[in-house]
């Protein structure tokens, strides 16, 4: 039985949208991040990290922020899968900030959440 609050998911299964053959990675939830008017961005750790051959970006993606791609979708109560998200990075100095400005984030890839992961 999980002791995690209902609005704090264990995480999701994530794969790059442009790489349908990729094996899904675990996106382990760390905390919610406020970005501009939105309060449902998720700070996650990708396990194993997405390497450049999977993501198409020059660096490995490990700690990222997930943001819903579509209006009306919230990660806080996500129950319908697949769900499209942006995978963004923040500058090192903002990694533990409770709030970030939208222009501080850099969208790296578009990804698909294929389902929720359970506490282990």
PDB file of N, CA and C in Angstrom:
ATOM      1  N   UNK A   1       0.826  -1.175   0.000  1.00  0.00           N
ATOM      2  CA  UNK A   1       0.000   0.000   0.000  1.00  0.00           C
ATOM      3  C   UNK A   1       0.875   1.245   0.000  1.00  0.00           C
ATOM      4  N   UNK A   2       0.579   2.192  -0.847  1.00  0.00           N
ATOM      5  CA  UNK A   2       1.377   3.401  -0.984  1.00  0.00           C
ATOM      6  C   UNK A   2       1.045   4.409   0.108  1.00  0.00           C
ATOM      7  N   UNK A   3       2.084   5.095   0.585  1.00  0.00           N
ATOM      8  CA  UNK A   3       1.890   6.193   1.528  1.00  0.00           C
ATOM      9  C   UNK A   3       2.035   7.532   0.814  1.00  0.00           C
ATOM     10  N   UNK A   4       2.149   7.500  -0.481  1.00  0.00           N
ATOM     11  CA  UNK A   4       2.330   8.694  -1.304  1.00  0.00           C
ATOM     12  C   UNK A   4       0.993   9.429  -1.426  1.00  0.00           C
ATOM     13  N   UNK A   5       0.973  10.777  -1.222  1.00  0.00           N
ATOM     14  CA  UNK A   5      -0.280  11.526  -1.429  1.00  0.00           C
ATOM     15  C   UNK A   5      -0.816  11.288  -2.837  1.00  0.00           C
ATOM     16  N   UNK A   6      -2.131  11.336  -3.004  1.00  0.00           N
ATOM     17  CA  UNK A   6      -2.740  11.016  -4.287  1.00  0.00           C
ATOM     18  C   UNK A   6      -2.318  11.969  -5.397  1.00  0.00           C
ATOM     19  N   UNK A   7      -1.918  13.204  -5.056  1.00  0.00           N
ATOM     20  CA  UNK A   7      -1.483  14.118  -6.111  1.00  0.00           C
ATOM     21  C   UNK A   7       0.026  14.062  -6.344  1.00  0.00           C
ATOM     22  N   UNK A   8       0.687  13.054  -5.758  1.00  0.00           N
ATOM     23  CA  UNK A   8       2.115  12.843  -5.966  1.00  0.00           C
ATOM     24  C   UNK A   8       2.323  11.440  -6.539  1.00  0.00           C
ATOM     25  N   UNK A   9       2.254  11.311  -7.843  1.00  0.00           N
ATOM     26  CA  UNK A   9       2.388   9.986  -8.463  1.00  0.00           C
ATOM     27  C   UNK A   9       3.798   9.428  -8.309  1.00  0.00           C
ATOM     28  N   UNK A  10       3.928   8.130  -8.436  1.00  0.00           N
ATOM     29  CA  UNK A  10       5.262   7.520  -8.451  1.00  0.00           C
ATOM     30  C   UNK A  10       5.996   7.927  -9.721  1.00  0.00           C
ATOM     31  N   UNK A  11       5.250   8.100 -10.804  1.00  0.00           N
ATOM     32  CA  UNK A  11       5.847   8.487 -12.082  1.00  0.00           C
ATOM     33  C   UNK A  11       5.118   7.849 -13.246  1.00  0.00           C
ATOM     34  N   UNK A  12       5.781   7.895 -14.391  1.00  0.00           N
ATOM     35  CA  UNK A  12       5.163   7.431 -15.622  1.00  0.00           C
ATOM     36  C   UNK A  12       6.171   6.686 -16.483  1.00  0.00           C
ATOM     37  N   UNK A  13       5.665   5.915 -17.438  1.00  0.00           N
ATOM     38  CA  UNK A  13       6.499   5.318 -18.478  1.00  0.00           C
ATOM     39  C   UNK A  13       6.546   6.302 -19.632  1.00  0.00           C
ATOM     40  N   UNK A  14       7.740   6.655 -20.068  1.00  0.00           N
ATOM     41  CA  UNK A  14       7.942   7.708 -21.064  1.00  0.00           C
ATOM     42  C   UNK A  14       8.792   7.186 -22.213  1.00  0.00           C
ATOM     43  N   UNK A  15       8.433   7.596 -23.413  1.00  0.00           N
ATOM     44  CA  UNK A  15       9.289   7.324 -24.582  1.00  0.00           C
ATOM     45  C   UNK A  15       9.236   8.536 -25.495  1.00  0.00           C
ATOM     46  N   UNK A  16      10.333   8.802 -26.216  1.00  0.00           N
ATOM     47  CA  UNK A  16      10.327   9.918 -27.175  1.00  0.00           C
ATOM     48  C   UNK A  16       9.265   9.696 -28.237  1.00  0.00           C
ATOM     49  N   UNK A  17       8.507  10.716 -28.549  1.00  0.00           N
ATOM     50  CA  UNK A  17       7.426  10.591 -29.533  1.00  0.00           C
ATOM     51  C   UNK A  17       7.948  10.264 -30.923  1.00  0.00           C
ATOM     52  N   UNK A  18       9.137  10.735 -31.233  1.00  0.00           N
ATOM     53  CA  UNK A  18       9.713  10.509 -32.563  1.00  0.00           C
ATOM     54  C   UNK A  18      10.379   9.149 -32.690  1.00  0.00           C
ATOM     55  N   UNK A  19      10.363   8.357 -31.624  1.00  0.00           N
ATOM     56  CA  UNK A  19      11.028   7.067 -31.635  1.00  0.00           C
ATOM     57  C   UNK A  19      10.065   6.013 -31.084  1.00  0.00           C
ATOM     58  N   UNK A  20       9.082   5.649 -31.893  1.00  0.00           N
ATOM     59  CA  UNK A  20       8.036   4.713 -31.465  1.00  0.00           C
ATOM     60  C   UNK A  20       8.587   3.343 -31.095  1.00  0.00           C
ATOM     61  N   UNK A  21       9.774   2.988 -31.600  1.00  0.00           N
ATOM     62  CA  UNK A  21      10.358   1.686 -31.304  1.00  0.00           C
ATOM     63  C   UNK A  21      11.132   1.680 -29.990  1.00  0.00           C
ATOM     64  N   UNK A  22      11.317   2.833 -29.377  1.00  0.00           N
ATOM     65  CA  UNK A  22      12.098   2.919 -28.142  1.00  0.00           C
ATOM     66  C   UNK A  22      11.399   2.192 -27.001  1.00  0.00           C
ATOM     67  N   UNK A  23      12.200   1.578 -26.163  1.00  0.00           N
ATOM     68  CA  UNK A  23      11.677   0.963 -24.948  1.00  0.00           C
ATOM     69  C   UNK A  23      11.352   2.093 -23.972  1.00  0.00           C
ATOM     70  N   UNK A  24      10.178   2.080 -23.359  1.00  0.00           N
ATOM     71  CA  UNK A  24       9.836   3.159 -22.422  1.00  0.00           C
ATOM     72  C   UNK A  24      10.805   3.228 -21.235  1.00  0.00           C
ATOM     73  N   UNK A  25      11.068   4.431 -20.805  1.00  0.00           N
ATOM     74  CA  UNK A  25      11.903   4.691 -19.637  1.00  0.00           C
ATOM     75  C   UNK A  25      10.985   5.085 -18.481  1.00  0.00           C
ATOM     76  N   UNK A  26      11.463   4.905 -17.271  1.00  0.00           N
ATOM     77  CA  UNK A  26      10.714   5.360 -16.103  1.00  0.00           C
ATOM     78  C   UNK A  26      11.011   6.839 -15.887  1.00  0.00           C
ATOM     79  N   UNK A  27       9.969   7.617 -15.707  1.00  0.00           N
ATOM     80  CA  UNK A  27      10.103   9.029 -15.340  1.00  0.00           C
ATOM     81  C   UNK A  27       9.617   9.113 -13.896  1.00  0.00           C
ATOM     82  N   UNK A  28      10.549   9.047 -12.962  1.00  0.00           N
ATOM     83  CA  UNK A  28      10.214   9.023 -11.531  1.00  0.00           C
ATOM     84  C   UNK A  28       9.914  10.428 -11.023  1.00  0.00           C
ATOM     85  N   UNK A  29       8.729  10.597 -10.480  1.00  0.00           N
ATOM     86  CA  UNK A  29       8.274  11.885  -9.971  1.00  0.00           C
ATOM     87  C   UNK A  29       9.107  12.320  -8.770  1.00  0.00           C
ATOM     88  N   UNK A  30       9.525  13.614  -8.782  1.00  0.00           N
ATOM     89  CA  UNK A  30      10.224  14.212  -7.635  1.00  0.00           C
ATOM     90  C   UNK A  30       9.335  15.225  -6.931  1.00  0.00           C
ATOM     91  N   UNK A  31       8.723  16.125  -7.720  1.00  0.00           N
ATOM     92  CA  UNK A  31       7.904  17.180  -7.124  1.00  0.00           C
ATOM     93  C   UNK A  31       7.201  17.960  -8.222  1.00  0.00           C
ATOM     94  N   UNK A  32       6.216  18.757  -7.824  1.00  0.00           N
ATOM     95  CA  UNK A  32       5.515  19.640  -8.754  1.00  0.00           C
ATOM     96  C   UNK A  32       6.275  20.951  -8.859  1.00  0.00           C
ATOM     97  N   UNK A  33       6.251  21.550 -10.040  1.00  0.00           N
ATOM     98  CA  UNK A  33       6.918  22.822 -10.294  1.00  0.00           C
ATOM     99  C   UNK A  33       5.883  23.787 -10.864  1.00  0.00           C
ATOM    100  N   UNK A  34       5.882  25.007 -10.360  1.00  0.00           N
ATOM    101  CA  UNK A  34       5.019  26.060 -10.890  1.00  0.00           C
ATOM    102  C   UNK A  34       5.786  26.752 -12.012  1.00  0.00           C
ATOM    103  N   UNK A  35       5.124  26.921 -13.133  1.00  0.00           N
ATOM    104  CA  UNK A  35       5.738  27.592 -14.283  1.00  0.00           C
ATOM    105  C   UNK A  35       4.721  28.575 -14.840  1.00  0.00           C
ATOM    106  N   UNK A  36       4.989  29.873 -14.613  1.00  0.00           N
ATOM    107  CA  UNK A  36       4.024  30.876 -15.040  1.00  0.00           C
ATOM    108  C   UNK A  36       2.710  30.658 -14.322  1.00  0.00           C
ATOM    109  N   UNK A  37       1.629  30.510 -15.075  1.00  0.00           N
ATOM    110  CA  UNK A  37       0.297  30.297 -14.493  1.00  0.00           C
ATOM    111  C   UNK A  37      -0.005  28.833 -14.217  1.00  0.00           C
ATOM    112  N   UNK A  38       0.868  27.941 -14.646  1.00  0.00           N
ATOM    113  CA  UNK A  38       0.621  26.496 -14.500  1.00  0.00           C
ATOM    114  C   UNK A  38       1.294  25.948 -13.245  1.00  0.00           C
ATOM    115  N   UNK A  39       0.618  25.057 -12.552  1.00  0.00           N
ATOM    116  CA  UNK A  39       1.185  24.461 -11.341  1.00  0.00           C
ATOM    117  C   UNK A  39       1.308  22.943 -11.455  1.00  0.00           C
ATOM    118  N   UNK A  40       1.221  22.448 -12.680  1.00  0.00           N
ATOM    119  CA  UNK A  40       1.218  20.991 -12.850  1.00  0.00           C
ATOM    120  C   UNK A  40       2.366  20.485 -13.712  1.00  0.00           C
ATOM    121  N   UNK A  41       3.502  21.161 -13.673  1.00  0.00           N
ATOM    122  CA  UNK A  41       4.690  20.640 -14.330  1.00  0.00           C
ATOM    123  C   UNK A  41       5.366  19.689 -13.348  1.00  0.00           C
ATOM    124  N   UNK A  42       5.930  18.607 -13.840  1.00  0.00           N
ATOM    125  CA  UNK A  42       6.528  17.594 -12.975  1.00  0.00           C
ATOM    126  C   UNK A  42       8.043  17.549 -13.151  1.00  0.00           C
ATOM    127  N   UNK A  43       8.741  17.663 -12.039  1.00  0.00           N
ATOM    128  CA  UNK A  43      10.192  17.474 -11.991  1.00  0.00           C
ATOM    129  C   UNK A  43      10.392  15.968 -11.851  1.00  0.00           C
ATOM    130  N   UNK A  44      11.094  15.353 -12.799  1.00  0.00           N
ATOM    131  CA  UNK A  44      11.281  13.901 -12.798  1.00  0.00           C
ATOM    132  C   UNK A  44      12.734  13.534 -13.057  1.00  0.00           C
ATOM    133  N   UNK A  45      13.056  12.301 -12.704  1.00  0.00           N
ATOM    134  CA  UNK A  45      14.345  11.699 -13.043  1.00  0.00           C
ATOM    135  C   UNK A  45      14.050  10.552 -13.989  1.00  0.00           C
ATOM    136  N   UNK A  46      14.694  10.565 -15.149  1.00  0.00           N
ATOM    137  CA  UNK A  46      14.466   9.513 -16.141  1.00  0.00           C
ATOM    138  C   UNK A  46      15.450   8.374 -15.880  1.00  0.00           C
ATOM    139  N   UNK A  47      14.903   7.158 -15.745  1.00  0.00           N
ATOM    140  CA  UNK A  47      15.700   5.961 -15.457  1.00  0.00           C
ATOM    141  C   UNK A  47      15.412   4.885 -16.485  1.00  0.00           C
ATOM    142  N   UNK A  48      16.363   4.346 -17.166  1.00  0.00           N
ATOM    143  CA  UNK A  48      17.687   4.924 -17.330  1.00  0.00           C
ATOM    144  C   UNK A  48      17.593   6.214 -18.142  1.00  0.00           C
ATOM    145  N   UNK A  49      18.610   7.060 -18.052  1.00  0.00           N
ATOM    146  CA  UNK A  49      18.569   8.329 -18.788  1.00  0.00           C
ATOM    147  C   UNK A  49      18.370   8.117 -20.293  1.00  0.00           C
ATOM    148  N   UNK A  50      17.761   9.113 -20.924  1.00  0.00           N
ATOM    149  CA  UNK A  50      17.613   9.081 -22.389  1.00  0.00           C
ATOM    150  C   UNK A  50      18.926   9.530 -23.007  1.00  0.00           C
ATOM    151  N   UNK A  51      19.530   8.657 -23.780  1.00  0.00           N
ATOM    152  CA  UNK A  51      20.792   9.053 -24.412  1.00  0.00           C
ATOM    153  C   UNK A  51      20.508   9.717 -25.760  1.00  0.00           C
ATOM    154  N   UNK A  52      21.501  10.399 -26.304  1.00  0.00           N
ATOM    155  CA  UNK A  52      21.291  11.140 -27.560  1.00  0.00           C
ATOM    156  C   UNK A  52      20.768  10.296 -28.719  1.00  0.00           C
ATOM    157  N   UNK A  53      21.127   9.020 -28.779  1.00  0.00           N
ATOM    158  CA  UNK A  53      20.637   8.201 -29.896  1.00  0.00           C
ATOM    159  C   UNK A  53      19.136   7.945 -29.784  1.00  0.00           C
ATOM    160  N   UNK A  54      18.593   8.011 -28.567  1.00  0.00           N
ATOM    161  CA  UNK A  54      17.152   7.817 -28.371  1.00  0.00           C
ATOM    162  C   UNK A  54      16.369   9.112 -28.510  1.00  0.00           C
ATOM    163  N   UNK A  55      16.956  10.203 -28.019  1.00  0.00           N
ATOM    164  CA  UNK A  55      16.206  11.460 -27.950  1.00  0.00           C
ATOM    165  C   UNK A  55      16.458  12.389 -29.127  1.00  0.00           C
ATOM    166  N   UNK A  56      17.621  12.272 -29.754  1.00  0.00           N
ATOM    167  CA  UNK A  56      17.957  13.171 -30.852  1.00  0.00           C
ATOM    168  C   UNK A  56      18.553  14.500 -30.398  1.00  0.00           C
ATOM    169  N   UNK A  57      18.729  14.692 -29.088  1.00  0.00           N
ATOM    170  CA  UNK A  57      19.397  15.903 -28.588  1.00  0.00           C
ATOM    171  C   UNK A  57      20.833  15.538 -28.235  1.00  0.00           C
ATOM    172  N   UNK A  58      21.747  16.530 -28.244  1.00  0.00           N
ATOM    173  CA  UNK A  58      23.165  16.208 -28.080  1.00  0.00           C
ATOM    174  C   UNK A  58      23.580  15.708 -26.694  1.00  0.00           C
ATOM    175  N   UNK A  59      22.797  15.976 -25.654  1.00  0.00           N
ATOM    176  CA  UNK A  59      23.211  15.513 -24.331  1.00  0.00           C
ATOM    177  C   UNK A  59      22.230  14.486 -23.784  1.00  0.00           C
ATOM    178  N   UNK A  60      22.692  13.746 -22.786  1.00  0.00           N
ATOM    179  CA  UNK A  60      21.858  12.768 -22.107  1.00  0.00           C
ATOM    180  C   UNK A  60      20.843  13.509 -21.241  1.00  0.00           C
ATOM    181  N   UNK A  61      19.605  13.043 -21.266  1.00  0.00           N
ATOM    182  CA  UNK A  61      18.542  13.653 -20.470  1.00  0.00           C
ATOM    183  C   UNK A  61      18.260  12.776 -19.259  1.00  0.00           C
ATOM    184  N   UNK A  62      18.513  13.340 -18.076  1.00  0.00           N
ATOM    185  CA  UNK A  62      18.308  12.597 -16.832  1.00  0.00           C
ATOM    186  C   UNK A  62      17.269  13.274 -15.954  1.00  0.00           C
ATOM    187  N   UNK A  63      17.553  14.493 -15.527  1.00  0.00           N
ATOM    188  CA  UNK A  63      16.591  15.235 -14.694  1.00  0.00           C
ATOM    189  C   UNK A  63      15.949  16.301 -15.556  1.00  0.00           C
ATOM    190  N   UNK A  64      14.636  16.174 -15.713  1.00  0.00           N
ATOM    191  CA  UNK A  64      13.914  17.048 -16.629  1.00  0.00           C
ATOM    192  C   UNK A  64      12.587  17.484 -16.006  1.00  0.00           C
ATOM    193  N   UNK A  65      11.935  18.389 -16.682  1.00  0.00           N
ATOM    194  CA  UNK A  65      10.604  18.835 -16.288  1.00  0.00           C
ATOM    195  C   UNK A  65       9.637  18.432 -17.392  1.00  0.00           C
ATOM    196  N   UNK A  66       8.555  17.771 -16.990  1.00  0.00           N
ATOM    197  CA  UNK A  66       7.522  17.367 -17.942  1.00  0.00           C
ATOM    198  C   UNK A  66       6.381  18.372 -17.884  1.00  0.00           C
ATOM    199  N   UNK A  67       5.895  18.757 -19.055  1.00  0.00           N
ATOM    200  CA  UNK A  67       4.785  19.706 -19.152  1.00  0.00           C
ATOM    201  C   UNK A  67       3.763  19.147 -20.131  1.00  0.00           C
ATOM    202  N   UNK A  68       2.488  19.198 -19.793  1.00  0.00           N
ATOM    203  CA  UNK A  68       1.466  18.707 -20.722  1.00  0.00           C
ATOM    204  C   UNK A  68       1.504  19.482 -22.031  1.00  0.00           C
ATOM    205  N   UNK A  69       1.313  18.778 -23.130  1.00  0.00           N
ATOM    206  CA  UNK A  69       1.322  19.426 -24.451  1.00  0.00           C
ATOM    207  C   UNK A  69      -0.015  20.026 -24.817  1.00  0.00           C
ATOM    208  N   UNK A  70      -1.089  19.549 -24.215  1.00  0.00           N
ATOM    209  CA  UNK A  70      -2.416  19.965 -24.650  1.00  0.00           C
ATOM    210  C   UNK A  70      -3.179  20.677 -23.547  1.00  0.00           C
ATOM    211  N   UNK A  71      -3.874  21.716 -23.925  1.00  0.00           N
ATOM    212  CA  UNK A  71      -4.717  22.476 -23.001  1.00  0.00           C
ATOM    213  C   UNK A  71      -5.744  21.541 -22.373  1.00  0.00           C
ATOM    214  N   UNK A  72      -5.977  21.725 -21.095  1.00  0.00           N
ATOM    215  CA  UNK A  72      -6.964  20.916 -20.389  1.00  0.00           C
ATOM    216  C   UNK A  72      -6.418  19.625 -19.817  1.00  0.00           C
ATOM    217  N   UNK A  73      -5.188  19.265 -20.157  1.00  0.00           N
ATOM    218  CA  UNK A  73      -4.570  18.054 -19.611  1.00  0.00           C
ATOM    219  C   UNK A  73      -3.716  18.459 -18.416  1.00  0.00           C
ATOM    220  N   UNK A  74      -3.856  17.746 -17.321  1.00  0.00           N
ATOM    221  CA  UNK A  74      -3.036  18.000 -16.142  1.00  0.00           C
ATOM    222  C   UNK A  74      -2.329  16.719 -15.734  1.00  0.00           C
ATOM    223  N   UNK A  75      -1.075  16.832 -15.398  1.00  0.00           N
ATOM    224  CA  UNK A  75      -0.326  15.659 -14.948  1.00  0.00           C
ATOM    225  C   UNK A  75      -0.730  15.262 -13.535  1.00  0.00           C
ATOM    226  N   UNK A  76      -1.338  16.184 -12.790  1.00  0.00           N
ATOM    227  CA  UNK A  76      -1.704  15.896 -11.399  1.00  0.00           C
ATOM    228  C   UNK A  76      -2.811  14.862 -11.270  1.00  0.00           C
ATOM    229  N   UNK A  77      -3.622  14.722 -12.274  1.00  0.00           N
ATOM    230  CA  UNK A  77      -4.706  13.727 -12.196  1.00  0.00           C
ATOM    231  C   UNK A  77      -4.811  12.950 -13.507  1.00  0.00           C
ATOM    232  N   UNK A  78      -3.683  12.636 -14.077  1.00  0.00           N
ATOM    233  CA  UNK A  78      -3.650  11.968 -15.374  1.00  0.00           C
ATOM    234  C   UNK A  78      -4.116  10.524 -15.244  1.00  0.00           C
ATOM    235  N   UNK A  79      -5.150  10.182 -15.995  1.00  0.00           N
ATOM    236  CA  UNK A  79      -5.672   8.814 -15.981  1.00  0.00           C
ATOM    237  C   UNK A  79      -5.812   8.229 -17.376  1.00  0.00           C
ATOM    238  N   UNK A  80      -5.719   9.083 -18.412  1.00  0.00           N
ATOM    239  CA  UNK A  80      -5.870   8.594 -19.789  1.00  0.00           C
ATOM    240  C   UNK A  80      -4.513   8.580 -20.474  1.00  0.00           C
ATOM    241  N   UNK A  81      -4.186   7.431 -21.022  1.00  0.00           N
ATOM    242  CA  UNK A  81      -2.916   7.252 -21.707  1.00  0.00           C
ATOM    243  C   UNK A  81      -3.184   6.728 -23.099  1.00  0.00           C
ATOM    244  N   UNK A  82      -2.334   7.019 -24.062  1.00  0.00           N
ATOM    245  CA  UNK A  82      -1.108   7.801 -23.956  1.00  0.00           C
ATOM    246  C   UNK A  82      -1.404   9.288 -23.788  1.00  0.00           C
ATOM    247  N   UNK A  83      -0.428  10.003 -23.225  1.00  0.00           N
ATOM    248  CA  UNK A  83      -0.536  11.446 -23.029  1.00  0.00           C
ATOM    249  C   UNK A  83       0.732  12.107 -23.548  1.00  0.00           C
ATOM    250  N   UNK A  84       0.567  13.174 -24.306  1.00  0.00           N
ATOM    251  CA  UNK A  84       1.712  13.886 -24.884  1.00  0.00           C
ATOM    252  C   UNK A  84       2.253  14.920 -23.904  1.00  0.00           C
ATOM    253  N   UNK A  85       3.578  14.963 -23.778  1.00  0.00           N
ATOM    254  CA  UNK A  85       4.226  15.934 -22.903  1.00  0.00           C
ATOM    255  C   UNK A  85       5.440  16.533 -23.608  1.00  0.00           C
ATOM    256  N   UNK A  86       5.795  17.733 -23.169  1.00  0.00           N
ATOM    257  CA  UNK A  86       7.079  18.314 -23.530  1.00  0.00           C
ATOM    258  C   UNK A  86       8.076  17.885 -22.470  1.00  0.00           C
ATOM    259  N   UNK A  87       9.284  17.580 -22.900  1.00  0.00           N
ATOM    260  CA  UNK A  87      10.385  17.294 -21.981  1.00  0.00           C
ATOM    261  C   UNK A  87      11.301  18.505 -22.052  1.00  0.00           C
ATOM    262  N   UNK A  88      11.436  19.201 -20.920  1.00  0.00           N
ATOM    263  CA  UNK A  88      12.205  20.438 -20.879  1.00  0.00           C
ATOM    264  C   UNK A  88      13.323  20.327 -19.857  1.00  0.00           C
ATOM    265  N   UNK A  89      14.338  21.151 -20.055  1.00  0.00           N
ATOM    266  CA  UNK A  89      15.416  21.256 -19.078  1.00  0.00           C
ATOM    267  C   UNK A  89      15.441  22.673 -18.536  1.00  0.00           C
ATOM    268  N   UNK A  90      15.981  22.789 -17.336  1.00  0.00           N
ATOM    269  CA  UNK A  90      16.132  24.092 -16.684  1.00  0.00           C
ATOM    270  C   UNK A  90      17.607  24.294 -16.375  1.00  0.00           C
ATOM    271  N   UNK A  91      18.042  25.545 -16.278  1.00  0.00           N
ATOM    272  CA  UNK A  91      19.433  25.784 -15.876  1.00  0.00           C
ATOM    273  C   UNK A  91      19.725  25.161 -14.513  1.00  0.00           C
ATOM    274  N   UNK A  92      20.949  24.740 -14.295  1.00  0.00           N
ATOM    275  CA  UNK A  92      21.367  24.090 -13.050  1.00  0.00           C
ATOM    276  C   UNK A  92      20.923  24.862 -11.813  1.00  0.00           C
ATOM    277  N   UNK A  93      21.014  26.178 -11.836  1.00  0.00           N
ATOM    278  CA  UNK A  93      20.662  26.990 -10.657  1.00  0.00           C
ATOM    279  C   UNK A  93      19.171  26.943 -10.339  1.00  0.00           C
ATOM    280  N   UNK A  94      18.357  26.498 -11.271  1.00  0.00           N
ATOM    281  CA  UNK A  94      16.907  26.436 -11.051  1.00  0.00           C
ATOM    282  C   UNK A  94      16.391  25.025 -10.789  1.00  0.00           C
ATOM    283  N   UNK A  95      17.278  24.039 -10.744  1.00  0.00           N
ATOM    284  CA  UNK A  95      16.819  22.655 -10.615  1.00  0.00           C
ATOM    285  C   UNK A  95      15.976  22.405  -9.375  1.00  0.00           C
ATOM    286  N   UNK A  96      16.225  23.117  -8.296  1.00  0.00           N
ATOM    287  CA  UNK A  96      15.451  22.892  -7.077  1.00  0.00           C
ATOM    288  C   UNK A  96      14.496  24.034  -6.768  1.00  0.00           C
ATOM    289  N   UNK A  97      14.287  24.920  -7.725  1.00  0.00           N
ATOM    290  CA  UNK A  97      13.364  26.037  -7.521  1.00  0.00           C
ATOM    291  C   UNK A  97      11.923  25.521  -7.514  1.00  0.00           C
ATOM    292  N   UNK A  98      11.101  26.117  -6.659  1.00  0.00           N
ATOM    293  CA  UNK A  98       9.686  25.727  -6.593  1.00  0.00           C
ATOM    294  C   UNK A  98       8.900  26.306  -7.756  1.00  0.00           C
ATOM    295  N   UNK A  99       9.419  27.390  -8.336  1.00  0.00           N
ATOM    296  CA  UNK A  99       8.754  28.042  -9.466  1.00  0.00           C
ATOM    297  C   UNK A  99       9.804  28.507 -10.457  1.00  0.00           C
ATOM    298  N   UNK A 100       9.470  28.396 -11.733  1.00  0.00           N
ATOM    299  CA  UNK A 100      10.355  28.875 -12.798  1.00  0.00           C
ATOM    300  C   UNK A 100       9.524  29.676 -13.797  1.00  0.00           C
ATOM    301  N   UNK A 101      10.174  30.580 -14.476  1.00  0.00           N
ATOM    302  CA  UNK A 101       9.513  31.334 -15.538  1.00  0.00           C
ATOM    303  C   UNK A 101       9.538  30.503 -16.817  1.00  0.00           C
ATOM    304  N   UNK A 102       8.508  30.591 -17.639  1.00  0.00           N
ATOM    305  CA  UNK A 102       8.484  29.802 -18.873  1.00  0.00           C
ATOM    306  C   UNK A 102       9.721  29.998 -19.752  1.00  0.00           C
ATOM    307  N   UNK A 103      10.258  31.207 -19.809  1.00  0.00           N
ATOM    308  CA  UNK A 103      11.426  31.440 -20.669  1.00  0.00           C
ATOM    309  C   UNK A 103      12.715  30.847 -20.096  1.00  0.00           C
ATOM    310  N   UNK A 104      12.677  30.322 -18.857  1.00  0.00           N
ATOM    311  CA  UNK A 104      13.852  29.673 -18.270  1.00  0.00           C
ATOM    312  C   UNK A 104      13.963  28.216 -18.707  1.00  0.00           C
ATOM    313  N   UNK A 105      12.866  27.659 -19.212  1.00  0.00           N
ATOM    314  CA  UNK A 105      12.866  26.261 -19.643  1.00  0.00           C
ATOM    315  C   UNK A 105      13.229  26.153 -21.115  1.00  0.00           C
ATOM    316  N   UNK A 106      13.912  25.069 -21.433  1.00  0.00           N
ATOM    317  CA  UNK A 106      14.259  24.790 -22.829  1.00  0.00           C
ATOM    318  C   UNK A 106      13.610  23.462 -23.212  1.00  0.00           C
ATOM    319  N   UNK A 107      12.659  23.519 -24.127  1.00  0.00           N
ATOM    320  CA  UNK A 107      12.006  22.287 -24.577  1.00  0.00           C
ATOM    321  C   UNK A 107      13.001  21.486 -25.394  1.00  0.00           C
ATOM    322  N   UNK A 108      13.205  20.237 -24.970  1.00  0.00           N
ATOM    323  CA  UNK A 108      14.186  19.369 -25.627  1.00  0.00           C
ATOM    324  C   UNK A 108      13.532  18.428 -26.625  1.00  0.00           C
ATOM    325  N   UNK A 109      12.473  17.761 -26.188  1.00  0.00           N
ATOM    326  CA  UNK A 109      11.783  16.818 -27.071  1.00  0.00           C
ATOM    327  C   UNK A 109      10.308  16.780 -26.699  1.00  0.00           C
ATOM    328  N   UNK A 110       9.552  16.157 -27.560  1.00  0.00           N
ATOM    329  CA  UNK A 110       8.165  15.822 -27.297  1.00  0.00           C
ATOM    330  C   UNK A 110       8.188  14.334 -26.968  1.00  0.00           C
ATOM    331  N   UNK A 111       7.448  13.949 -25.933  1.00  0.00           N
ATOM    332  CA  UNK A 111       7.434  12.543 -25.524  1.00  0.00           C
ATOM    333  C   UNK A 111       5.999  12.096 -25.265  1.00  0.00           C
ATOM    334  N   UNK A 112       5.862  10.802 -25.089  1.00  0.00           N
ATOM    335  CA  UNK A 112       4.568  10.194 -24.819  1.00  0.00           C
ATOM    336  C   UNK A 112       4.658   9.475 -23.486  1.00  0.00           C
ATOM    337  N   UNK A 113       3.701   9.751 -22.593  1.00  0.00           N
ATOM    338  CA  UNK A 113       3.571   8.987 -21.367  1.00  0.00           C
ATOM    339  C   UNK A 113       2.642   7.829 -21.682  1.00  0.00           C
ATOM    340  N   UNK A 114       3.144   6.612 -21.488  1.00  0.00           N
ATOM    341  CA  UNK A 114       2.390   5.422 -21.878  1.00  0.00           C
ATOM    342  C   UNK A 114       1.631   4.791 -20.725  1.00  0.00           C
ATOM    343  N   UNK A 115       1.848   5.246 -19.528  1.00  0.00           N
ATOM    344  CA  UNK A 115       1.139   4.708 -18.379  1.00  0.00           C
ATOM    345  C   UNK A 115       1.815   5.153 -17.102  1.00  0.00           C
ATOM    346  N   UNK A 116       1.153   4.909 -15.987  1.00  0.00           N
ATOM    347  CA  UNK A 116       1.702   5.257 -14.681  1.00  0.00           C
ATOM    348  C   UNK A 116       2.550   4.105 -14.161  1.00  0.00           C
ATOM    349  N   UNK A 117       3.542   4.449 -13.346  1.00  0.00           N
ATOM    350  CA  UNK A 117       4.300   3.408 -12.652  1.00  0.00           C
ATOM    351  C   UNK A 117       3.822   3.373 -11.204  1.00  0.00           C
ATOM    352  N   UNK A 118       3.953   2.232 -10.593  1.00  0.00           N
ATOM    353  CA  UNK A 118       3.505   2.044  -9.215  1.00  0.00           C
ATOM    354  C   UNK A 118       4.700   2.142  -8.266  1.00  0.00           C
ATOM    355  N   UNK A 119       4.431   2.504  -7.020  1.00  0.00           N
ATOM    356  CA  UNK A 119       5.491   2.479  -6.001  1.00  0.00           C
ATOM    357  C   UNK A 119       6.037   1.081  -5.913  1.00  0.00           C
ATOM    358  N   UNK A 120       7.329   1.013  -5.713  1.00  0.00           N
ATOM    359  CA  UNK A 120       7.957  -0.319  -5.608  1.00  0.00           C
ATOM    360  C   UNK A 120       8.372  -0.594  -4.183  1.00  0.00           C
TER     361      UNK A 120
END
